[in-house]
Amino acid sequence: MRTKKLIYILFALLLNSCSQSDNSKKDNSTDAGYKNLNVTILIDLSDRISLAKNPDQPIKDINLISFVVDSYKMFLAKKGVVNSEDKIKLIFYPTLNYDIYQAIADSLNIDFAKADFPDRKNIFNQLSSKYDSNLKKLYSIASKNKKYEGSDLFNYFKHRIVDDCIISDSNYINILVILTDGYIYHTNSMYNNINRYSYLIPESEHIKCFRKNNNWVELFNQQDYGLLKIDNDLSNLNILVAEINPIYNSPKDFDILKLYWSKWFDEQNIKKDNYKIIKTDLSTINKNLVYNFFQNITTR
């Protein structure tokens, strides 16, 4: 009798142990399954994409964005598209007053959470071709403009970035991808406070003064150069800045621009592991950098 009772007790303990193990696995997989991407792609539509100035830049931008879309899709494929609540959108700032630009941006604003379950697979399958065709249409128009007022990246960070790019829900991973040459300029946003500026252009004295100075980093830090401080908390945002393109006769500008951008990000509470700044290059090189960035962000 005692032996039979002991067997029952051991069997009950074994069932309880298995149940706890299964629940633990279920909880872990549930937690992993709830992570969603919230991706924003911000394009600098200044003269950097002008066919007359940089004839190769439009195709470089399109390729770079295709790598972002690929990375996004690889993440969705791993967890399952049907249960996806991921988001991806394309924007430019300030908003251009052309219906065609707005229509393209609207068509590339994809929110899987708003799609019916049966439709999500089709949206996923068509995502790459949809981005490719609409981006080609966008750049074919924007690259032929006769006048460029600049892309107001400074004021985007100042007024829009928190509301536009960050979902506070811990189940979302927020990613902003910026395509820019690294110089910041808009006709209505050029002001400064001592050595802090709202703009960076090749002719700026606060760039030129570093080009022939061997101790330029020390000078930069000692005299507190930088972009104007913005009271943002972007600790819940990951940023990839791509296609930084220094002017041809001053390759040192990449390091100068990178320091300006890095300091600006640091002051807005973005962790160093959460942002990356990369130079324009062969698509085969930048492809791996984009993939690695998304891989590192999504597997932590």
C-alpha atoms as a PDB file:
ATOM      1  CA  MET A   1       0.000   0.000   0.000  1.00  0.00           C
ATOM      2  CA  ARG A   2       2.807   2.351   0.947  1.00  0.00           C
ATOM      3  CA  THR A   3       4.593   1.513  -2.295  1.00  0.00           C
ATOM      4  CA  LYS A   4       1.485   2.296  -4.329  1.00  0.00           C
ATOM      5  CA  LYS A   5       1.008   5.602  -2.485  1.00  0.00           C
ATOM      6  CA  LEU A   6       4.623   6.540  -3.061  1.00  0.00           C
ATOM      7  CA  ILE A   7       4.238   5.862  -6.795  1.00  0.00           C
ATOM      8  CA  TYR A   8       1.200   8.181  -6.907  1.00  0.00           C
ATOM      9  CA  ILE A   9       3.161  10.932  -5.148  1.00  0.00           C
ATOM     10  CA  LEU A  10       6.142  10.606  -7.493  1.00  0.00           C
ATOM     11  CA  PHE A  11       3.836  10.609 -10.525  1.00  0.00           C
ATOM     12  CA  ALA A  12       2.090  13.772  -9.284  1.00  0.00           C
ATOM     13  CA  LEU A  13       5.422  15.496  -8.727  1.00  0.00           C
ATOM     14  CA  LEU A  14       6.561  14.535 -12.226  1.00  0.00           C
ATOM     15  CA  LEU A  15       3.363  15.916 -13.789  1.00  0.00           C
ATOM     16  CA  ASN A  16       3.729  19.162 -11.855  1.00  0.00           C
ATOM     17  CA  SER A  17       7.353  19.498 -12.942  1.00  0.00           C
ATOM     18  CA  CYS A  18       6.443  18.935 -16.596  1.00  0.00           C
ATOM     19  CA  SER A  19       3.591  21.410 -16.324  1.00  0.00           C
ATOM     20  CA  GLN A  20       5.881  24.088 -14.898  1.00  0.00           C
ATOM     21  CA  SER A  21       8.431  23.425 -17.631  1.00  0.00           C
ATOM     22  CA  ASP A  22       5.785  23.698 -20.349  1.00  0.00           C
ATOM     23  CA  ASN A  23       4.419  26.909 -18.842  1.00  0.00           C
ATOM     24  CA  SER A  24       7.895  28.369 -18.689  1.00  0.00           C
ATOM     25  CA  LYS A  25       8.461  27.572 -22.360  1.00  0.00           C
ATOM     26  CA  LYS A  26       5.064  28.963 -23.222  1.00  0.00           C
ATOM     27  CA  ASP A  27       5.736  32.208 -21.359  1.00  0.00           C
ATOM     28  CA  ASN A  28       9.102  32.643 -23.042  1.00  0.00           C
ATOM     29  CA  SER A  29       7.726  32.034 -26.512  1.00  0.00           C
ATOM     30  CA  THR A  30       4.778  34.332 -25.794  1.00  0.00           C
ATOM     31  CA  ASP A  31       7.077  37.107 -24.686  1.00  0.00           C
ATOM     32  CA  ALA A  32       9.172  36.675 -27.825  1.00  0.00           C
ATOM     33  CA  GLY A  33       6.089  36.540 -30.043  1.00  0.00           C
ATOM     34  CA  TYR A  34       4.737  39.825 -28.739  1.00  0.00           C
ATOM     35  CA  LYS A  35       7.710  41.871 -29.962  1.00  0.00           C
ATOM     36  CA  ASN A  36       6.807  43.972 -32.970  1.00  0.00           C
ATOM     37  CA  LEU A  37       8.791  46.383 -35.108  1.00  0.00           C
ATOM     38  CA  ASN A  38       7.803  50.017 -35.523  1.00  0.00           C
ATOM     39  CA  VAL A  39       9.993  51.233 -38.397  1.00  0.00           C
ATOM     40  CA  THR A  40      10.056  54.786 -39.765  1.00  0.00           C
ATOM     41  CA  ILE A  41      12.097  55.655 -42.870  1.00  0.00           C
ATOM     42  CA  LEU A  42      12.859  59.373 -43.144  1.00  0.00           C
ATOM     43  CA  ILE A  43      14.238  60.544 -46.487  1.00  0.00           C
ATOM     44  CA  ASP A  44      16.189  63.760 -46.912  1.00  0.00           C
ATOM     45  CA  LEU A  45      14.777  65.058 -50.203  1.00  0.00           C
ATOM     46  CA  SER A  46      17.225  67.949 -50.512  1.00  0.00           C
ATOM     47  CA  ASP A  47      19.592  68.530 -53.450  1.00  0.00           C
ATOM     48  CA  ARG A  48      21.546  65.481 -52.302  1.00  0.00           C
ATOM     49  CA  ILE A  49      19.276  63.439 -54.614  1.00  0.00           C
ATOM     50  CA  SER A  50      19.544  65.838 -57.552  1.00  0.00           C
ATOM     51  CA  LEU A  51      20.458  64.032 -60.762  1.00  0.00           C
ATOM     52  CA  ALA A  52      22.583  67.017 -61.747  1.00  0.00           C
ATOM     53  CA  LYS A  53      24.545  66.917 -58.481  1.00  0.00           C
ATOM     54  CA  ASN A  54      24.554  63.232 -57.461  1.00  0.00           C
ATOM     55  CA  PRO A  55      23.238  61.062 -60.308  1.00  0.00           C
ATOM     56  CA  ASP A  56      23.915  57.821 -58.393  1.00  0.00           C
ATOM     57  CA  GLN A  57      22.221  58.834 -55.155  1.00  0.00           C
ATOM     58  CA  PRO A  58      18.597  57.938 -56.011  1.00  0.00           C
ATOM     59  CA  ILE A  59      19.462  54.320 -56.806  1.00  0.00           C
ATOM     60  CA  LYS A  60      21.669  54.129 -53.689  1.00  0.00           C
ATOM     61  CA  ASP A  61      18.745  55.321 -51.577  1.00  0.00           C
ATOM     62  CA  ILE A  62      16.358  52.860 -53.193  1.00  0.00           C
ATOM     63  CA  ASN A  63      18.797  49.993 -52.607  1.00  0.00           C
ATOM     64  CA  LEU A  64      19.358  51.009 -48.995  1.00  0.00           C
ATOM     65  CA  ILE A  65      15.623  51.117 -48.312  1.00  0.00           C
ATOM     66  CA  SER A  66      15.230  47.701 -49.937  1.00  0.00           C
ATOM     67  CA  PHE A  67      17.734  46.337 -47.385  1.00  0.00           C
ATOM     68  CA  VAL A  68      15.641  47.869 -44.598  1.00  0.00           C
ATOM     69  CA  VAL A  69      12.473  46.280 -45.996  1.00  0.00           C
ATOM     70  CA  ASP A  70      14.275  42.939 -46.337  1.00  0.00           C
ATOM     71  CA  SER A  71      15.408  43.134 -42.707  1.00  0.00           C
ATOM     72  CA  TYR A  72      11.880  43.990 -41.629  1.00  0.00           C
ATOM     73  CA  LYS A  73      10.456  41.040 -43.561  1.00  0.00           C
ATOM     74  CA  MET A  74      13.042  38.607 -42.184  1.00  0.00           C
ATOM     75  CA  PHE A  75      11.987  39.566 -38.674  1.00  0.00           C
ATOM     76  CA  LEU A  76       8.291  39.063 -39.512  1.00  0.00           C
ATOM     77  CA  ALA A  77       8.955  35.731 -41.206  1.00  0.00           C
ATOM     78  CA  LYS A  78      10.641  34.335 -38.107  1.00  0.00           C
ATOM     79  CA  LYS A  79       7.749  35.069 -35.777  1.00  0.00           C
ATOM     80  CA  GLY A  80       4.898  34.499 -38.217  1.00  0.00           C
ATOM     81  CA  VAL A  81       3.115  37.049 -40.377  1.00  0.00           C
ATOM     82  CA  VAL A  82      -0.444  36.146 -39.377  1.00  0.00           C
ATOM     83  CA  ASN A  83       0.068  37.308 -35.793  1.00  0.00           C
ATOM     84  CA  SER A  84       2.060  40.378 -36.820  1.00  0.00           C
ATOM     85  CA  GLU A  85       1.213  43.814 -35.460  1.00  0.00           C
ATOM     86  CA  ASP A  86       4.329  45.387 -36.972  1.00  0.00           C
ATOM     87  CA  LYS A  87       4.405  48.787 -38.645  1.00  0.00           C
ATOM     88  CA  ILE A  88       6.560  50.417 -41.312  1.00  0.00           C
ATOM     89  CA  LYS A  89       6.219  53.802 -42.974  1.00  0.00           C
ATOM     90  CA  LEU A  90       8.084  56.252 -45.181  1.00  0.00           C
ATOM     91  CA  ILE A  91       8.099  60.006 -44.516  1.00  0.00           C
ATOM     92  CA  PHE A  92       9.832  63.254 -45.436  1.00  0.00           C
ATOM     93  CA  TYR A  93       9.937  66.537 -43.554  1.00  0.00           C
ATOM     94  CA  PRO A  94       8.683  69.128 -44.003  1.00  0.00           C
ATOM     95  CA  THR A  95       5.678  67.637 -45.772  1.00  0.00           C
ATOM     96  CA  LEU A  96       5.852  68.577 -49.431  1.00  0.00           C
ATOM     97  CA  ASN A  97       2.791  70.250 -50.888  1.00  0.00           C
ATOM     98  CA  TYR A  98       2.375  67.856 -53.774  1.00  0.00           C
ATOM     99  CA  ASP A  99      -0.439  65.301 -53.915  1.00  0.00           C
ATOM    100  CA  ILE A 100       1.823  62.730 -55.588  1.00  0.00           C
ATOM    101  CA  TYR A 101       4.340  62.840 -52.722  1.00  0.00           C
ATOM    102  CA  GLN A 102       1.621  62.414 -50.127  1.00  0.00           C
ATOM    103  CA  ALA A 103      -0.021  59.608 -52.075  1.00  0.00           C
ATOM    104  CA  ILE A 104       3.277  57.713 -52.243  1.00  0.00           C
ATOM    105  CA  ALA A 105       3.917  58.179 -48.526  1.00  0.00           C
ATOM    106  CA  ASP A 106       0.378  57.015 -47.697  1.00  0.00           C
ATOM    107  CA  SER A 107       0.741  53.912 -49.862  1.00  0.00           C
ATOM    108  CA  LEU A 108       3.919  52.943 -47.982  1.00  0.00           C
ATOM    109  CA  ASN A 109       2.426  53.352 -44.520  1.00  0.00           C
ATOM    110  CA  ILE A 110       1.831  49.694 -43.608  1.00  0.00           C
ATOM    111  CA  ASP A 111       0.254  48.642 -40.307  1.00  0.00           C
ATOM    112  CA  PHE A 112      -0.273  44.904 -39.995  1.00  0.00           C
ATOM    113  CA  ALA A 113      -2.361  45.401 -36.841  1.00  0.00           C
ATOM    114  CA  LYS A 114      -5.033  47.129 -38.933  1.00  0.00           C
ATOM    115  CA  ALA A 115      -5.168  44.391 -41.564  1.00  0.00           C
ATOM    116  CA  ASP A 116      -7.507  41.410 -41.389  1.00  0.00           C
ATOM    117  CA  PHE A 117      -5.760  38.128 -40.595  1.00  0.00           C
ATOM    118  CA  PRO A 118      -6.355  36.592 -44.061  1.00  0.00           C
ATOM    119  CA  ASP A 119      -4.893  39.701 -45.749  1.00  0.00           C
ATOM    120  CA  ARG A 120      -1.618  39.885 -43.840  1.00  0.00           C
ATOM    121  CA  LYS A 121       0.156  37.228 -45.897  1.00  0.00           C
ATOM    122  CA  ASN A 122      -0.644  39.065 -49.142  1.00  0.00           C
ATOM    123  CA  ILE A 123       0.555  42.383 -47.692  1.00  0.00           C
ATOM    124  CA  PHE A 124       3.778  40.691 -46.641  1.00  0.00           C
ATOM    125  CA  ASN A 125       4.321  39.102 -50.075  1.00  0.00           C
ATOM    126  CA  GLN A 126       3.729  42.380 -51.904  1.00  0.00           C
ATOM    127  CA  LEU A 127       5.714  44.610 -49.558  1.00  0.00           C
ATOM    128  CA  SER A 128       9.045  44.585 -51.436  1.00  0.00           C
ATOM    129  CA  SER A 129       7.541  45.225 -54.864  1.00  0.00           C
ATOM    130  CA  LYS A 130       5.256  47.917 -53.458  1.00  0.00           C
ATOM    131  CA  TYR A 131       8.156  49.804 -51.932  1.00  0.00           C
ATOM    132  CA  ASP A 132      10.308  49.362 -55.027  1.00  0.00           C
ATOM    133  CA  SER A 133       7.753  50.668 -57.519  1.00  0.00           C
ATOM    134  CA  ASN A 134       6.656  53.614 -55.380  1.00  0.00           C
ATOM    135  CA  LEU A 135      10.205  54.631 -54.498  1.00  0.00           C
ATOM    136  CA  LYS A 136      11.184  54.662 -58.164  1.00  0.00           C
ATOM    137  CA  LYS A 137       8.202  56.896 -58.852  1.00  0.00           C
ATOM    138  CA  LEU A 138       9.114  59.210 -55.951  1.00  0.00           C
ATOM    139  CA  TYR A 139      12.775  59.598 -56.899  1.00  0.00           C
ATOM    140  CA  SER A 140      12.043  60.021 -60.594  1.00  0.00           C
ATOM    141  CA  ILE A 141      10.083  63.151 -59.671  1.00  0.00           C
ATOM    142  CA  ALA A 142      12.075  64.490 -56.711  1.00  0.00           C
ATOM    143  CA  SER A 143      15.493  64.087 -58.370  1.00  0.00           C
ATOM    144  CA  LYS A 144      14.470  66.392 -61.230  1.00  0.00           C
ATOM    145  CA  ASN A 145      13.325  69.334 -59.131  1.00  0.00           C
ATOM    146  CA  LYS A 146      14.731  72.722 -60.070  1.00  0.00           C
ATOM    147  CA  LYS A 147      14.595  74.075 -56.511  1.00  0.00           C
ATOM    148  CA  TYR A 148      15.457  72.383 -53.215  1.00  0.00           C
ATOM    149  CA  GLU A 149      14.682  74.126 -49.919  1.00  0.00           C
ATOM    150  CA  GLY A 150      16.373  71.426 -47.883  1.00  0.00           C
ATOM    151  CA  SER A 151      15.172  68.805 -45.462  1.00  0.00           C
ATOM    152  CA  ASP A 152      14.405  70.211 -42.018  1.00  0.00           C
ATOM    153  CA  LEU A 153      15.848  67.383 -39.939  1.00  0.00           C
ATOM    154  CA  PHE A 154      16.571  69.673 -36.992  1.00  0.00           C
ATOM    155  CA  ASN A 155      12.943  70.690 -36.553  1.00  0.00           C
ATOM    156  CA  TYR A 156      11.765  67.143 -37.171  1.00  0.00           C
ATOM    157  CA  PHE A 157      13.750  66.092 -34.114  1.00  0.00           C
ATOM    158  CA  LYS A 158      12.579  69.141 -32.195  1.00  0.00           C
ATOM    159  CA  HIS A 159       8.850  68.870 -32.897  1.00  0.00           C
ATOM    160  CA  ARG A 160       7.887  65.498 -34.360  1.00  0.00           C
ATOM    161  CA  ILE A 161      10.219  62.609 -33.632  1.00  0.00           C
ATOM    162  CA  VAL A 162       8.828  61.528 -30.249  1.00  0.00           C
ATOM    163  CA  ASP A 163       5.194  61.411 -31.379  1.00  0.00           C
ATOM    164  CA  ASP A 164       5.991  60.088 -34.835  1.00  0.00           C
ATOM    165  CA  CYS A 165       8.574  57.390 -34.168  1.00  0.00           C
ATOM    166  CA  ILE A 166       8.100  56.071 -30.654  1.00  0.00           C
ATOM    167  CA  ILE A 167       5.443  53.678 -29.397  1.00  0.00           C
ATOM    168  CA  SER A 168       5.821  53.482 -25.623  1.00  0.00           C
ATOM    169  CA  ASP A 169       4.419  49.930 -25.477  1.00  0.00           C
ATOM    170  CA  SER A 170       7.298  47.655 -24.415  1.00  0.00           C
ATOM    171  CA  ASN A 171       6.149  45.082 -26.979  1.00  0.00           C
ATOM    172  CA  TYR A 172       7.417  47.364 -29.758  1.00  0.00           C
ATOM    173  CA  ILE A 173      10.961  47.934 -30.987  1.00  0.00           C
ATOM    174  CA  ASN A 174      11.160  51.469 -32.381  1.00  0.00           C
ATOM    175  CA  ILE A 175      13.559  52.045 -35.278  1.00  0.00           C
ATOM    176  CA  LEU A 176      14.172  55.226 -37.271  1.00  0.00           C
ATOM    177  CA  VAL A 177      16.180  55.012 -40.506  1.00  0.00           C
ATOM    178  CA  ILE A 178      17.385  58.372 -41.853  1.00  0.00           C
ATOM    179  CA  LEU A 179      18.737  58.707 -45.382  1.00  0.00           C
ATOM    180  CA  THR A 180      20.789  61.886 -45.562  1.00  0.00           C
ATOM    181  CA  ASP A 181      24.178  63.153 -46.688  1.00  0.00           C
ATOM    182  CA  GLY A 182      24.775  64.245 -43.091  1.00  0.00           C
ATOM    183  CA  TYR A 183      24.582  67.963 -43.752  1.00  0.00           C
ATOM    184  CA  ILE A 184      21.566  69.621 -42.141  1.00  0.00           C
ATOM    185  CA  TYR A 185      19.936  72.562 -43.865  1.00  0.00           C
ATOM    186  CA  HIS A 186      16.611  74.245 -44.417  1.00  0.00           C
ATOM    187  CA  THR A 187      16.010  77.803 -45.524  1.00  0.00           C
ATOM    188  CA  ASN A 188      13.869  78.536 -42.451  1.00  0.00           C
ATOM    189  CA  SER A 189      16.073  76.824 -39.863  1.00  0.00           C
ATOM    190  CA  MET A 190      19.443  78.544 -39.593  1.00  0.00           C
ATOM    191  CA  TYR A 191      20.287  79.877 -36.146  1.00  0.00           C
ATOM    192  CA  ASN A 192      22.793  79.284 -33.371  1.00  0.00           C
ATOM    193  CA  ASN A 193      23.710  79.884 -29.739  1.00  0.00           C
ATOM    194  CA  ILE A 194      27.485  80.371 -29.362  1.00  0.00           C
ATOM    195  CA  ASN A 195      28.955  77.118 -30.778  1.00  0.00           C
ATOM    196  CA  ARG A 196      25.654  75.275 -31.025  1.00  0.00           C
ATOM    197  CA  TYR A 197      23.881  75.275 -34.386  1.00  0.00           C
ATOM    198  CA  SER A 198      20.658  74.162 -36.036  1.00  0.00           C
ATOM    199  CA  TYR A 199      22.404  73.510 -39.348  1.00  0.00           C
ATOM    200  CA  LEU A 200      25.487  71.874 -40.859  1.00  0.00           C
ATOM    201  CA  ILE A 201      26.507  72.794 -44.390  1.00  0.00           C
ATOM    202  CA  PRO A 202      29.875  72.444 -46.165  1.00  0.00           C
ATOM    203  CA  GLU A 203      30.398  76.223 -46.101  1.00  0.00           C
ATOM    204  CA  SER A 204      29.732  76.487 -42.352  1.00  0.00           C
ATOM    205  CA  GLU A 205      32.599  77.944 -40.371  1.00  0.00           C
ATOM    206  CA  HIS A 206      31.815  75.415 -37.631  1.00  0.00           C
ATOM    207  CA  ILE A 207      32.810  72.686 -40.088  1.00  0.00           C
ATOM    208  CA  LYS A 208      35.596  74.481 -41.958  1.00  0.00           C
ATOM    209  CA  CYS A 209      37.488  75.288 -38.737  1.00  0.00           C
ATOM    210  CA  PHE A 210      38.104  71.567 -38.118  1.00  0.00           C
ATOM    211  CA  ARG A 211      39.285  70.479 -41.557  1.00  0.00           C
ATOM    212  CA  LYS A 212      42.928  71.497 -41.224  1.00  0.00           C
ATOM    213  CA  ASN A 213      43.217  71.208 -37.446  1.00  0.00           C
ATOM    214  CA  ASN A 214      45.029  68.108 -36.213  1.00  0.00           C
ATOM    215  CA  ASN A 215      43.549  68.543 -32.735  1.00  0.00           C
ATOM    216  CA  TRP A 216      40.042  69.188 -33.992  1.00  0.00           C
ATOM    217  CA  VAL A 217      38.314  66.661 -31.701  1.00  0.00           C
ATOM    218  CA  GLU A 218      39.857  68.309 -28.650  1.00  0.00           C
ATOM    219  CA  LEU A 219      38.785  71.733 -29.943  1.00  0.00           C
ATOM    220  CA  PHE A 220      35.277  70.409 -30.620  1.00  0.00           C
ATOM    221  CA  ASN A 221      34.921  69.128 -27.069  1.00  0.00           C
ATOM    222  CA  GLN A 222      36.654  71.970 -25.222  1.00  0.00           C
ATOM    223  CA  GLN A 223      34.598  74.700 -26.880  1.00  0.00           C
ATOM    224  CA  ASP A 224      31.378  72.684 -26.753  1.00  0.00           C
ATOM    225  CA  TYR A 225      30.610  72.598 -30.454  1.00  0.00           C
ATOM    226  CA  GLY A 226      27.518  70.727 -31.481  1.00  0.00           C
ATOM    227  CA  LEU A 227      23.969  70.921 -32.727  1.00  0.00           C
ATOM    228  CA  LEU A 228      21.557  72.877 -30.556  1.00  0.00           C
ATOM    229  CA  LYS A 229      20.391  70.807 -27.616  1.00  0.00           C
ATOM    230  CA  ILE A 230      16.862  69.449 -27.781  1.00  0.00           C
ATOM    231  CA  ASP A 231      15.040  68.293 -24.684  1.00  0.00           C
ATOM    232  CA  ASN A 232      14.138  64.850 -26.007  1.00  0.00           C
ATOM    233  CA  ASP A 233      14.177  61.494 -24.290  1.00  0.00           C
ATOM    234  CA  LEU A 234      14.885  59.075 -27.148  1.00  0.00           C
ATOM    235  CA  SER A 235      16.071  56.241 -24.931  1.00  0.00           C
ATOM    236  CA  ASN A 236      13.400  54.003 -26.468  1.00  0.00           C
ATOM    237  CA  LEU A 237      14.496  54.650 -30.049  1.00  0.00           C
ATOM    238  CA  ASN A 238      17.068  52.982 -32.308  1.00  0.00           C
ATOM    239  CA  ILE A 239      18.468  55.075 -35.160  1.00  0.00           C
ATOM    240  CA  LEU A 240      20.324  54.147 -38.324  1.00  0.00           C
ATOM    241  CA  VAL A 241      21.726  57.134 -40.245  1.00  0.00           C
ATOM    242  CA  ALA A 242      22.762  56.028 -43.724  1.00  0.00           C
ATOM    243  CA  GLU A 243      24.215  57.459 -46.923  1.00  0.00           C
ATOM    244  CA  ILE A 244      26.379  60.095 -45.178  1.00  0.00           C
ATOM    245  CA  ASN A 245      28.167  61.690 -48.119  1.00  0.00           C
ATOM    246  CA  PRO A 246      30.958  64.228 -47.450  1.00  0.00           C
ATOM    247  CA  ILE A 247      31.776  66.665 -50.233  1.00  0.00           C
ATOM    248  CA  TYR A 248      34.321  65.248 -52.672  1.00  0.00           C
ATOM    249  CA  ASN A 249      37.166  67.610 -51.748  1.00  0.00           C
ATOM    250  CA  SER A 250      36.818  67.157 -47.987  1.00  0.00           C
ATOM    251  CA  PRO A 251      36.602  63.485 -47.001  1.00  0.00           C
ATOM    252  CA  LYS A 252      37.371  64.460 -43.394  1.00  0.00           C
ATOM    253  CA  ASP A 253      33.831  65.826 -43.213  1.00  0.00           C
ATOM    254  CA  PHE A 254      32.521  62.326 -42.549  1.00  0.00           C
ATOM    255  CA  ASP A 255      34.326  62.218 -39.195  1.00  0.00           C
ATOM    256  CA  ILE A 256      33.241  65.769 -38.398  1.00  0.00           C
ATOM    257  CA  LEU A 257      29.610  65.101 -39.262  1.00  0.00           C
ATOM    258  CA  LYS A 258      29.660  61.819 -37.368  1.00  0.00           C
ATOM    259  CA  LEU A 259      30.867  63.582 -34.234  1.00  0.00           C
ATOM    260  CA  TYR A 260      28.142  66.234 -34.503  1.00  0.00           C
ATOM    261  CA  TRP A 261      25.425  63.611 -34.981  1.00  0.00           C
ATOM    262  CA  SER A 262      26.775  61.312 -32.242  1.00  0.00           C
ATOM    263  CA  LYS A 263      26.926  64.096 -29.673  1.00  0.00           C
ATOM    264  CA  TRP A 264      23.386  65.132 -30.601  1.00  0.00           C
ATOM    265  CA  PHE A 265      22.119  61.571 -30.138  1.00  0.00           C
ATOM    266  CA  ASP A 266      23.969  61.159 -26.841  1.00  0.00           C
ATOM    267  CA  GLU A 267      22.373  64.338 -25.499  1.00  0.00           C
ATOM    268  CA  GLN A 268      18.927  62.999 -26.413  1.00  0.00           C
ATOM    269  CA  ASN A 269      19.538  59.872 -24.322  1.00  0.00           C
ATOM    270  CA  ILE A 270      20.053  57.439 -27.174  1.00  0.00           C
ATOM    271  CA  LYS A 271      22.347  54.647 -26.033  1.00  0.00           C
ATOM    272  CA  LYS A 272      25.493  54.245 -28.100  1.00  0.00           C
ATOM    273  CA  ASP A 273      24.538  50.656 -28.931  1.00  0.00           C
ATOM    274  CA  ASN A 274      21.196  51.906 -30.258  1.00  0.00           C
ATOM    275  CA  TYR A 275      22.461  54.069 -33.104  1.00  0.00           C
ATOM    276  CA  LYS A 276      24.753  53.643 -36.075  1.00  0.00           C
ATOM    277  CA  ILE A 277      26.037  56.174 -38.613  1.00  0.00           C
ATOM    278  CA  ILE A 278      27.274  54.843 -41.943  1.00  0.00           C
ATOM    279  CA  LYS A 279      28.821  56.424 -44.994  1.00  0.00           C
ATOM    280  CA  THR A 280      27.525  56.078 -48.529  1.00  0.00           C
ATOM    281  CA  ASP A 281      29.298  53.163 -50.196  1.00  0.00           C
ATOM    282  CA  LEU A 282      28.821  50.178 -52.453  1.00  0.00           C
ATOM    283  CA  SER A 283      25.425  48.629 -51.904  1.00  0.00           C
ATOM    284  CA  THR A 284      26.999  45.222 -51.236  1.00  0.00           C
ATOM    285  CA  ILE A 285      28.913  46.715 -48.289  1.00  0.00           C
ATOM    286  CA  ASN A 286      26.048  48.693 -46.771  1.00  0.00           C
ATOM    287  CA  LYS A 287      23.678  45.755 -47.207  1.00  0.00           C
ATOM    288  CA  ASN A 288      25.487  43.781 -44.515  1.00  0.00           C
ATOM    289  CA  LEU A 289      25.663  46.821 -42.236  1.00  0.00           C
ATOM    290  CA  VAL A 290      21.887  47.272 -42.436  1.00  0.00           C
ATOM    291  CA  TYR A 291      21.208  43.569 -41.862  1.00  0.00           C
ATOM    292  CA  ASN A 292      23.582  43.488 -38.886  1.00  0.00           C
ATOM    293  CA  PHE A 293      22.016  46.596 -37.369  1.00  0.00           C
ATOM    294  CA  PHE A 294      18.533  45.062 -37.454  1.00  0.00           C
ATOM    295  CA  GLN A 295      19.851  41.722 -36.246  1.00  0.00           C
ATOM    296  CA  ASN A 296      21.579  43.296 -33.246  1.00  0.00           C
ATOM    297  CA  ILE A 297      18.561  45.420 -32.331  1.00  0.00           C
ATOM    298  CA  THR A 298      15.997  42.627 -32.596  1.00  0.00           C
ATOM    299  CA  THR A 299      17.910  39.855 -30.822  1.00  0.00           C
ATOM    300  CA  ARG A 300      18.795  41.572 -27.568  1.00  0.00           C
END
